[in-house]
Amino acid sequence: MPKTWVVVAHRGGARLFENKGPGKGLDLLREINHPEGRLKNREIDTDKPGRSYESHGAARHAYDKERESTTHVAEQFAKQLSGILDEGRNRQAYGRLVLVAEARFLGHLRSALSRETASMVSATIDKDLGGIESREMAKQLDGVMVV
């Protein structure tokens, strides 16, 4: 039976677990802290948006940002995690992958995965389990896989 990697992620960090088969439980392989993910937009942005004049008249307005800074930070972290998962796939460290994250970050993570790594995803769980203790994680995954 192939090993399964379980990624429990959120903007502020991730934990990577390994399951070696039914009844073997989960072993914590790696914990990745991402403190930038806990920041709010106003803590990330140091400058106010630029200003411009209207094309007609003397009115001024601020430029709109294309996307929020917190979104950009989350996307960058998802790319970092994707790189770690690609490394594991290339080393054949796992045969299946389970992704656990809140909906928005799960979307960033799915988008960041390479096609090859995405094909190894056997299940996704749309929940923020970042605050769950490692020893309690198996109970949360009970409906998705035999731990």
N, C-alpha and C. Protein backbone atom coordinates (compact mmCIF):
# COMPACT_ATOMS: atom_id res chain seq x y z
N MET A 1 0.85 -1.18 0.00
CA MET A 1 0.00 0.00 0.00
C MET A 1 0.89 1.24 0.00
N PRO A 2 0.63 2.19 -0.90
CA PRO A 2 1.48 3.39 -0.95
C PRO A 2 1.27 4.29 0.26
N LYS A 3 2.32 5.01 0.59
CA LYS A 3 2.23 5.99 1.67
C LYS A 3 1.36 7.15 1.22
N THR A 4 0.66 7.73 2.18
CA THR A 4 -0.18 8.89 1.90
C THR A 4 0.36 10.07 2.68
N TRP A 5 0.56 11.18 2.00
CA TRP A 5 0.91 12.42 2.67
C TRP A 5 -0.37 13.22 2.88
N VAL A 6 -0.51 13.78 4.06
CA VAL A 6 -1.65 14.62 4.40
C VAL A 6 -1.12 16.01 4.70
N VAL A 7 -1.57 16.99 3.93
CA VAL A 7 -1.15 18.38 4.12
C VAL A 7 -2.30 19.12 4.80
N VAL A 8 -2.04 19.63 5.99
CA VAL A 8 -3.02 20.44 6.72
C VAL A 8 -2.48 21.86 6.70
N ALA A 9 -3.12 22.73 5.92
CA ALA A 9 -2.54 24.05 5.67
C ALA A 9 -3.54 25.18 5.90
N HIS A 10 -2.98 26.34 6.17
CA HIS A 10 -3.72 27.60 6.23
C HIS A 10 -2.71 28.69 5.91
N ARG A 11 -3.16 29.93 5.82
CA ARG A 11 -2.26 31.02 5.42
C ARG A 11 -1.06 31.17 6.34
N GLY A 12 -1.22 30.81 7.61
CA GLY A 12 -0.16 31.02 8.60
C GLY A 12 0.78 29.86 8.79
N GLY A 13 0.58 28.76 8.08
CA GLY A 13 1.48 27.63 8.22
C GLY A 13 0.87 26.35 7.72
N ALA A 14 1.65 25.30 7.81
CA ALA A 14 1.19 23.99 7.34
C ALA A 14 1.91 22.90 8.12
N ARG A 15 1.23 21.77 8.19
CA ARG A 15 1.84 20.57 8.76
C ARG A 15 1.70 19.45 7.73
N LEU A 16 2.76 18.70 7.60
CA LEU A 16 2.80 17.59 6.65
C LEU A 16 2.89 16.30 7.44
N PHE A 17 1.88 15.45 7.26
CA PHE A 17 1.81 14.17 7.95
C PHE A 17 1.99 13.05 6.94
N GLU A 18 2.41 11.89 7.45
CA GLU A 18 2.53 10.70 6.61
C GLU A 18 1.73 9.56 7.25
N ASN A 19 0.99 8.86 6.41
CA ASN A 19 0.27 7.67 6.84
C ASN A 19 0.83 6.51 6.04
N LYS A 20 1.34 5.48 6.73
CA LYS A 20 1.97 4.35 6.05
C LYS A 20 1.01 3.20 5.78
N GLY A 21 -0.26 3.40 6.12
CA GLY A 21 -1.26 2.37 5.85
C GLY A 21 -2.31 2.33 6.94
N PRO A 22 -3.37 1.55 6.71
CA PRO A 22 -4.46 1.46 7.68
C PRO A 22 -3.96 1.01 9.06
N GLY A 23 -4.43 1.70 10.08
CA GLY A 23 -4.06 1.36 11.44
C GLY A 23 -2.70 1.86 11.88
N LYS A 24 -1.99 2.57 11.01
CA LYS A 24 -0.63 3.04 11.34
C LYS A 24 -0.62 4.45 11.91
N GLY A 25 -1.75 5.14 11.88
CA GLY A 25 -1.80 6.51 12.40
C GLY A 25 -1.11 7.51 11.49
N LEU A 26 -0.91 8.70 12.02
CA LEU A 26 -0.25 9.77 11.28
C LEU A 26 1.05 10.15 11.97
N ASP A 27 2.10 10.28 11.19
CA ASP A 27 3.38 10.75 11.71
C ASP A 27 3.62 12.15 11.17
N LEU A 28 3.95 13.09 12.05
CA LEU A 28 4.27 14.45 11.62
C LEU A 28 5.64 14.45 10.97
N LEU A 29 5.70 14.80 9.69
CA LEU A 29 6.96 14.86 8.97
C LEU A 29 7.62 16.22 9.06
N ARG A 30 6.77 17.25 8.96
CA ARG A 30 7.33 18.60 8.85
C ARG A 30 6.28 19.62 9.25
N GLU A 31 6.75 20.66 9.91
CA GLU A 31 5.89 21.79 10.25
C GLU A 31 6.50 23.02 9.59
N ILE A 32 5.68 23.75 8.87
CA ILE A 32 6.16 24.92 8.13
C ILE A 32 5.42 26.14 8.64
N ASN A 33 6.14 27.03 9.28
CA ASN A 33 5.54 28.27 9.78
C ASN A 33 5.60 29.33 8.71
N HIS A 34 4.55 30.11 8.62
CA HIS A 34 4.49 31.20 7.64
C HIS A 34 3.87 32.41 8.33
N PRO A 35 4.65 33.10 9.17
CA PRO A 35 4.10 34.20 9.97
C PRO A 35 3.51 35.34 9.13
N GLU A 36 4.01 35.54 7.91
CA GLU A 36 3.47 36.60 7.05
C GLU A 36 1.99 36.36 6.76
N GLY A 37 1.58 35.10 6.76
CA GLY A 37 0.19 34.76 6.48
C GLY A 37 -0.78 35.21 7.56
N ARG A 38 -0.26 35.53 8.73
CA ARG A 38 -1.12 35.98 9.82
C ARG A 38 -1.33 37.50 9.80
N LEU A 39 -0.57 38.19 8.97
CA LEU A 39 -0.67 39.65 8.91
C LEU A 39 -1.94 40.09 8.21
N LYS A 40 -2.39 41.28 8.55
CA LYS A 40 -3.54 41.89 7.89
C LYS A 40 -3.02 42.80 6.77
N ASN A 41 -3.90 43.19 5.86
CA ASN A 41 -3.49 44.04 4.74
C ASN A 41 -2.76 45.28 5.20
N ARG A 42 -3.28 45.95 6.22
CA ARG A 42 -2.67 47.20 6.66
C ARG A 42 -1.28 46.98 7.26
N GLU A 43 -1.00 45.76 7.71
CA GLU A 43 0.32 45.45 8.25
C GLU A 43 1.31 45.09 7.15
N ILE A 44 0.80 44.65 6.01
CA ILE A 44 1.65 44.28 4.88
C ILE A 44 1.95 45.50 4.03
N ASP A 45 0.92 46.28 3.73
CA ASP A 45 1.08 47.45 2.88
C ASP A 45 1.69 48.60 3.67
N THR A 46 2.82 49.09 3.21
CA THR A 46 3.45 50.21 3.90
C THR A 46 3.08 51.54 3.28
N ASP A 47 2.63 51.52 2.05
CA ASP A 47 2.30 52.75 1.35
C ASP A 47 0.81 52.83 1.08
N LYS A 48 0.33 54.05 0.99
CA LYS A 48 -1.04 54.25 0.52
C LYS A 48 -1.03 54.11 -1.00
N PRO A 49 -2.17 53.81 -1.58
CA PRO A 49 -2.20 53.70 -3.04
C PRO A 49 -1.89 55.04 -3.70
N GLY A 50 -1.30 54.98 -4.89
CA GLY A 50 -0.99 56.20 -5.63
C GLY A 50 -2.25 56.96 -6.01
N ARG A 51 -2.08 58.23 -6.37
CA ARG A 51 -3.23 59.06 -6.73
C ARG A 51 -3.02 59.58 -8.15
N SER A 52 -4.14 59.88 -8.78
CA SER A 52 -4.10 60.36 -10.15
C SER A 52 -5.23 61.36 -10.37
N TYR A 53 -5.06 62.20 -11.39
CA TYR A 53 -6.12 63.12 -11.78
C TYR A 53 -7.05 62.44 -12.77
N GLU A 54 -8.31 62.81 -12.74
CA GLU A 54 -9.27 62.34 -13.73
C GLU A 54 -8.83 62.86 -15.10
N SER A 55 -9.21 62.16 -16.16
CA SER A 55 -8.84 62.63 -17.49
C SER A 55 -9.60 63.90 -17.87
N HIS A 56 -10.77 64.11 -17.27
CA HIS A 56 -11.54 65.33 -17.51
C HIS A 56 -11.77 66.01 -16.17
N GLY A 57 -11.29 67.20 -16.00
CA GLY A 57 -11.52 67.93 -14.77
C GLY A 57 -10.36 67.81 -13.80
N ALA A 58 -10.57 68.39 -12.63
CA ALA A 58 -9.50 68.46 -11.65
C ALA A 58 -9.65 67.44 -10.52
N ALA A 59 -10.62 66.55 -10.61
CA ALA A 59 -10.83 65.58 -9.53
C ALA A 59 -9.67 64.59 -9.46
N ARG A 60 -9.38 64.15 -8.24
CA ARG A 60 -8.32 63.16 -8.03
C ARG A 60 -8.92 61.90 -7.42
N HIS A 61 -8.26 60.78 -7.64
CA HIS A 61 -8.73 59.53 -7.04
C HIS A 61 -7.52 58.64 -6.77
N ALA A 62 -7.72 57.70 -5.87
CA ALA A 62 -6.66 56.74 -5.56
C ALA A 62 -6.75 55.58 -6.54
N TYR A 63 -5.59 55.04 -6.90
CA TYR A 63 -5.57 53.85 -7.73
C TYR A 63 -6.11 52.67 -6.93
N ASP A 64 -6.87 51.82 -7.58
CA ASP A 64 -7.34 50.59 -6.93
C ASP A 64 -6.23 49.55 -7.00
N LYS A 65 -6.15 48.74 -5.96
CA LYS A 65 -5.21 47.63 -5.99
C LYS A 65 -5.87 46.50 -6.75
N GLU A 66 -5.07 45.78 -7.53
CA GLU A 66 -5.60 44.66 -8.29
C GLU A 66 -6.12 43.55 -7.39
N ARG A 67 -5.40 43.29 -6.31
CA ARG A 67 -5.84 42.28 -5.36
C ARG A 67 -5.25 42.61 -3.99
N GLU A 68 -5.82 42.04 -2.98
CA GLU A 68 -5.37 42.32 -1.63
C GLU A 68 -4.00 41.71 -1.38
N SER A 69 -3.24 42.35 -0.53
CA SER A 69 -1.90 41.86 -0.20
C SER A 69 -1.95 40.50 0.49
N THR A 70 -2.97 40.28 1.32
CA THR A 70 -3.07 38.99 2.00
C THR A 70 -3.28 37.85 1.00
N THR A 71 -3.99 38.13 -0.08
CA THR A 71 -4.19 37.13 -1.13
C THR A 71 -2.87 36.79 -1.79
N HIS A 72 -2.08 37.82 -2.08
CA HIS A 72 -0.77 37.60 -2.70
C HIS A 72 0.13 36.77 -1.79
N VAL A 73 0.15 37.08 -0.50
CA VAL A 73 0.96 36.34 0.46
C VAL A 73 0.51 34.88 0.53
N ALA A 74 -0.80 34.64 0.53
CA ALA A 74 -1.33 33.27 0.57
C ALA A 74 -0.95 32.51 -0.70
N GLU A 75 -1.02 33.16 -1.85
CA GLU A 75 -0.65 32.51 -3.11
C GLU A 75 0.83 32.13 -3.12
N GLN A 76 1.68 33.00 -2.60
CA GLN A 76 3.11 32.71 -2.54
C GLN A 76 3.38 31.52 -1.62
N PHE A 77 2.69 31.45 -0.50
CA PHE A 77 2.87 30.32 0.41
C PHE A 77 2.37 29.03 -0.23
N ALA A 78 1.27 29.10 -0.95
CA ALA A 78 0.76 27.92 -1.66
C ALA A 78 1.78 27.42 -2.67
N LYS A 79 2.46 28.33 -3.35
CA LYS A 79 3.52 27.94 -4.30
C LYS A 79 4.67 27.26 -3.58
N GLN A 80 5.03 27.79 -2.41
CA GLN A 80 6.09 27.18 -1.61
C GLN A 80 5.71 25.74 -1.22
N LEU A 81 4.49 25.56 -0.75
CA LEU A 81 4.03 24.21 -0.39
C LEU A 81 4.00 23.29 -1.60
N SER A 82 3.59 23.82 -2.73
CA SER A 82 3.55 23.04 -3.96
C SER A 82 4.95 22.53 -4.32
N GLY A 83 5.95 23.37 -4.12
CA GLY A 83 7.33 22.96 -4.38
C GLY A 83 7.76 21.81 -3.48
N ILE A 84 7.37 21.87 -2.21
CA ILE A 84 7.69 20.79 -1.27
C ILE A 84 7.00 19.49 -1.69
N LEU A 85 5.75 19.60 -2.12
CA LEU A 85 5.01 18.41 -2.56
C LEU A 85 5.59 17.84 -3.85
N ASP A 86 6.05 18.71 -4.75
CA ASP A 86 6.71 18.25 -5.98
C ASP A 86 7.99 17.49 -5.65
N GLU A 87 8.77 18.01 -4.70
CA GLU A 87 10.00 17.32 -4.28
C GLU A 87 9.68 15.92 -3.78
N GLY A 88 8.68 15.82 -2.92
CA GLY A 88 8.29 14.51 -2.40
C GLY A 88 7.83 13.56 -3.49
N ARG A 89 7.09 14.08 -4.44
CA ARG A 89 6.62 13.24 -5.56
C ARG A 89 7.81 12.77 -6.38
N ASN A 90 8.76 13.66 -6.65
CA ASN A 90 9.94 13.29 -7.43
C ASN A 90 10.79 12.23 -6.73
N ARG A 91 10.79 12.24 -5.40
CA ARG A 91 11.54 11.24 -4.62
C ARG A 91 10.71 9.98 -4.40
N GLN A 92 9.47 9.99 -4.88
CA GLN A 92 8.52 8.89 -4.69
C GLN A 92 8.31 8.61 -3.20
N ALA A 93 8.23 9.69 -2.42
CA ALA A 93 8.04 9.58 -0.97
C ALA A 93 6.59 9.26 -0.62
N TYR A 94 5.68 9.49 -1.54
CA TYR A 94 4.26 9.19 -1.31
C TYR A 94 3.61 8.76 -2.60
N GLY A 95 2.50 8.05 -2.44
CA GLY A 95 1.74 7.60 -3.60
C GLY A 95 0.39 8.26 -3.70
N ARG A 96 -0.06 8.82 -2.57
CA ARG A 96 -1.34 9.54 -2.54
C ARG A 96 -1.17 10.79 -1.70
N LEU A 97 -2.06 11.75 -1.95
CA LEU A 97 -1.98 13.04 -1.28
C LEU A 97 -3.38 13.46 -0.84
N VAL A 98 -3.50 13.92 0.40
CA VAL A 98 -4.76 14.45 0.93
C VAL A 98 -4.50 15.90 1.32
N LEU A 99 -5.33 16.81 0.83
CA LEU A 99 -5.20 18.24 1.12
C LEU A 99 -6.31 18.67 2.07
N VAL A 100 -5.93 19.35 3.14
CA VAL A 100 -6.89 19.85 4.13
C VAL A 100 -6.61 21.33 4.34
N ALA A 101 -7.59 22.18 4.02
CA ALA A 101 -7.42 23.62 4.20
C ALA A 101 -8.79 24.29 4.10
N GLU A 102 -8.87 25.53 4.61
CA GLU A 102 -10.11 26.28 4.44
C GLU A 102 -10.25 26.60 2.96
N ALA A 103 -11.47 26.87 2.53
CA ALA A 103 -11.81 26.93 1.10
C ALA A 103 -10.91 27.85 0.28
N ARG A 104 -10.69 29.06 0.73
CA ARG A 104 -9.91 30.00 -0.08
C ARG A 104 -8.47 29.52 -0.25
N PHE A 105 -7.85 29.09 0.85
CA PHE A 105 -6.46 28.63 0.74
C PHE A 105 -6.38 27.32 -0.04
N LEU A 106 -7.38 26.46 0.10
CA LEU A 106 -7.41 25.22 -0.67
C LEU A 106 -7.42 25.53 -2.17
N GLY A 107 -8.15 26.57 -2.56
CA GLY A 107 -8.15 27.00 -3.96
C GLY A 107 -6.78 27.47 -4.41
N HIS A 108 -6.10 28.25 -3.58
CA HIS A 108 -4.74 28.71 -3.92
C HIS A 108 -3.80 27.51 -4.07
N LEU A 109 -3.93 26.56 -3.15
CA LEU A 109 -3.05 25.39 -3.17
C LEU A 109 -3.30 24.53 -4.41
N ARG A 110 -4.56 24.30 -4.73
CA ARG A 110 -4.88 23.52 -5.94
C ARG A 110 -4.32 24.19 -7.18
N SER A 111 -4.45 25.51 -7.25
CA SER A 111 -3.95 26.25 -8.42
C SER A 111 -2.44 26.17 -8.53
N ALA A 112 -1.76 26.08 -7.40
CA ALA A 112 -0.29 26.08 -7.41
C ALA A 112 0.30 24.71 -7.73
N LEU A 113 -0.47 23.64 -7.56
CA LEU A 113 0.06 22.29 -7.78
C LEU A 113 0.38 22.05 -9.25
N SER A 114 1.47 21.34 -9.49
CA SER A 114 1.77 20.92 -10.85
C SER A 114 0.74 19.87 -11.27
N ARG A 115 0.62 19.64 -12.55
CA ARG A 115 -0.35 18.67 -13.06
C ARG A 115 -0.05 17.27 -12.49
N GLU A 116 1.24 16.92 -12.42
CA GLU A 116 1.62 15.60 -11.93
C GLU A 116 1.27 15.42 -10.45
N THR A 117 1.55 16.44 -9.65
CA THR A 117 1.24 16.36 -8.22
C THR A 117 -0.27 16.39 -8.00
N ALA A 118 -0.98 17.21 -8.76
CA ALA A 118 -2.44 17.29 -8.63
C ALA A 118 -3.09 15.94 -8.93
N SER A 119 -2.49 15.16 -9.82
CA SER A 119 -3.07 13.85 -10.16
C SER A 119 -2.94 12.85 -9.00
N MET A 120 -2.10 13.15 -8.01
CA MET A 120 -1.91 12.25 -6.86
C MET A 120 -2.85 12.58 -5.70
N VAL A 121 -3.62 13.67 -5.84
CA VAL A 121 -4.55 14.05 -4.78
C VAL A 121 -5.72 13.07 -4.77
N SER A 122 -5.86 12.37 -3.64
CA SER A 122 -6.94 11.38 -3.53
C SER A 122 -8.16 11.95 -2.81
N ALA A 123 -7.96 13.02 -2.02
CA ALA A 123 -9.09 13.63 -1.30
C ALA A 123 -8.72 15.05 -0.88
N THR A 124 -9.76 15.87 -0.77
CA THR A 124 -9.58 17.21 -0.22
C THR A 124 -10.65 17.43 0.84
N ILE A 125 -10.26 18.15 1.88
CA ILE A 125 -11.20 18.48 2.95
C ILE A 125 -11.21 19.99 3.11
N ASP A 126 -12.37 20.56 2.94
CA ASP A 126 -12.55 22.01 3.02
C ASP A 126 -12.84 22.40 4.47
N LYS A 127 -11.79 22.37 5.31
CA LYS A 127 -11.91 22.74 6.72
C LYS A 127 -10.59 23.35 7.17
N ASP A 128 -10.67 24.31 8.07
CA ASP A 128 -9.46 24.87 8.66
C ASP A 128 -9.15 24.07 9.92
N LEU A 129 -8.22 23.14 9.81
CA LEU A 129 -7.82 22.30 10.94
C LEU A 129 -6.46 22.72 11.48
N GLY A 130 -6.04 23.93 11.16
CA GLY A 130 -4.74 24.41 11.60
C GLY A 130 -4.56 24.43 13.10
N GLY A 131 -5.64 24.63 13.84
CA GLY A 131 -5.55 24.69 15.29
C GLY A 131 -5.70 23.36 15.99
N ILE A 132 -5.93 22.29 15.25
CA ILE A 132 -6.13 20.97 15.83
C ILE A 132 -4.77 20.37 16.20
N GLU A 133 -4.69 19.77 17.38
CA GLU A 133 -3.46 19.10 17.81
C GLU A 133 -3.16 17.93 16.87
N SER A 134 -1.89 17.65 16.68
CA SER A 134 -1.47 16.56 15.79
C SER A 134 -2.09 15.23 16.17
N ARG A 135 -2.17 14.94 17.46
CA ARG A 135 -2.70 13.64 17.89
C ARG A 135 -4.20 13.52 17.63
N GLU A 136 -4.90 14.65 17.46
CA GLU A 136 -6.34 14.64 17.19
C GLU A 136 -6.65 14.60 15.69
N MET A 137 -5.63 14.78 14.87
CA MET A 137 -5.83 14.88 13.42
C MET A 137 -6.46 13.61 12.84
N ALA A 138 -6.05 12.45 13.32
CA ALA A 138 -6.57 11.18 12.79
C ALA A 138 -8.09 11.12 12.92
N LYS A 139 -8.64 11.62 14.02
CA LYS A 139 -10.09 11.61 14.21
C LYS A 139 -10.78 12.49 13.16
N GLN A 140 -10.17 13.61 12.81
CA GLN A 140 -10.75 14.53 11.83
C GLN A 140 -10.75 13.93 10.43
N LEU A 141 -9.80 13.04 10.16
CA LEU A 141 -9.67 12.46 8.82
C LEU A 141 -10.37 11.11 8.69
N ASP A 142 -11.03 10.69 9.73
CA ASP A 142 -11.63 9.36 9.78
C ASP A 142 -12.57 9.07 8.62
N GLY A 143 -13.35 10.03 8.18
CA GLY A 143 -14.30 9.80 7.10
C GLY A 143 -13.67 9.77 5.72
N VAL A 144 -12.43 10.22 5.60
CA VAL A 144 -11.78 10.32 4.30
C VAL A 144 -10.81 9.17 4.05
N MET A 145 -10.15 8.72 5.10
CA MET A 145 -9.15 7.67 4.95
C MET A 145 -9.08 6.84 6.23
N VAL A 146 -8.59 5.63 6.10
CA VAL A 146 -8.38 4.77 7.27
C VAL A 146 -7.01 5.11 7.82
N VAL A 147 -7.00 5.66 9.04
CA VAL A 147 -5.74 6.12 9.61
C VAL A 147 -5.23 5.10 10.54
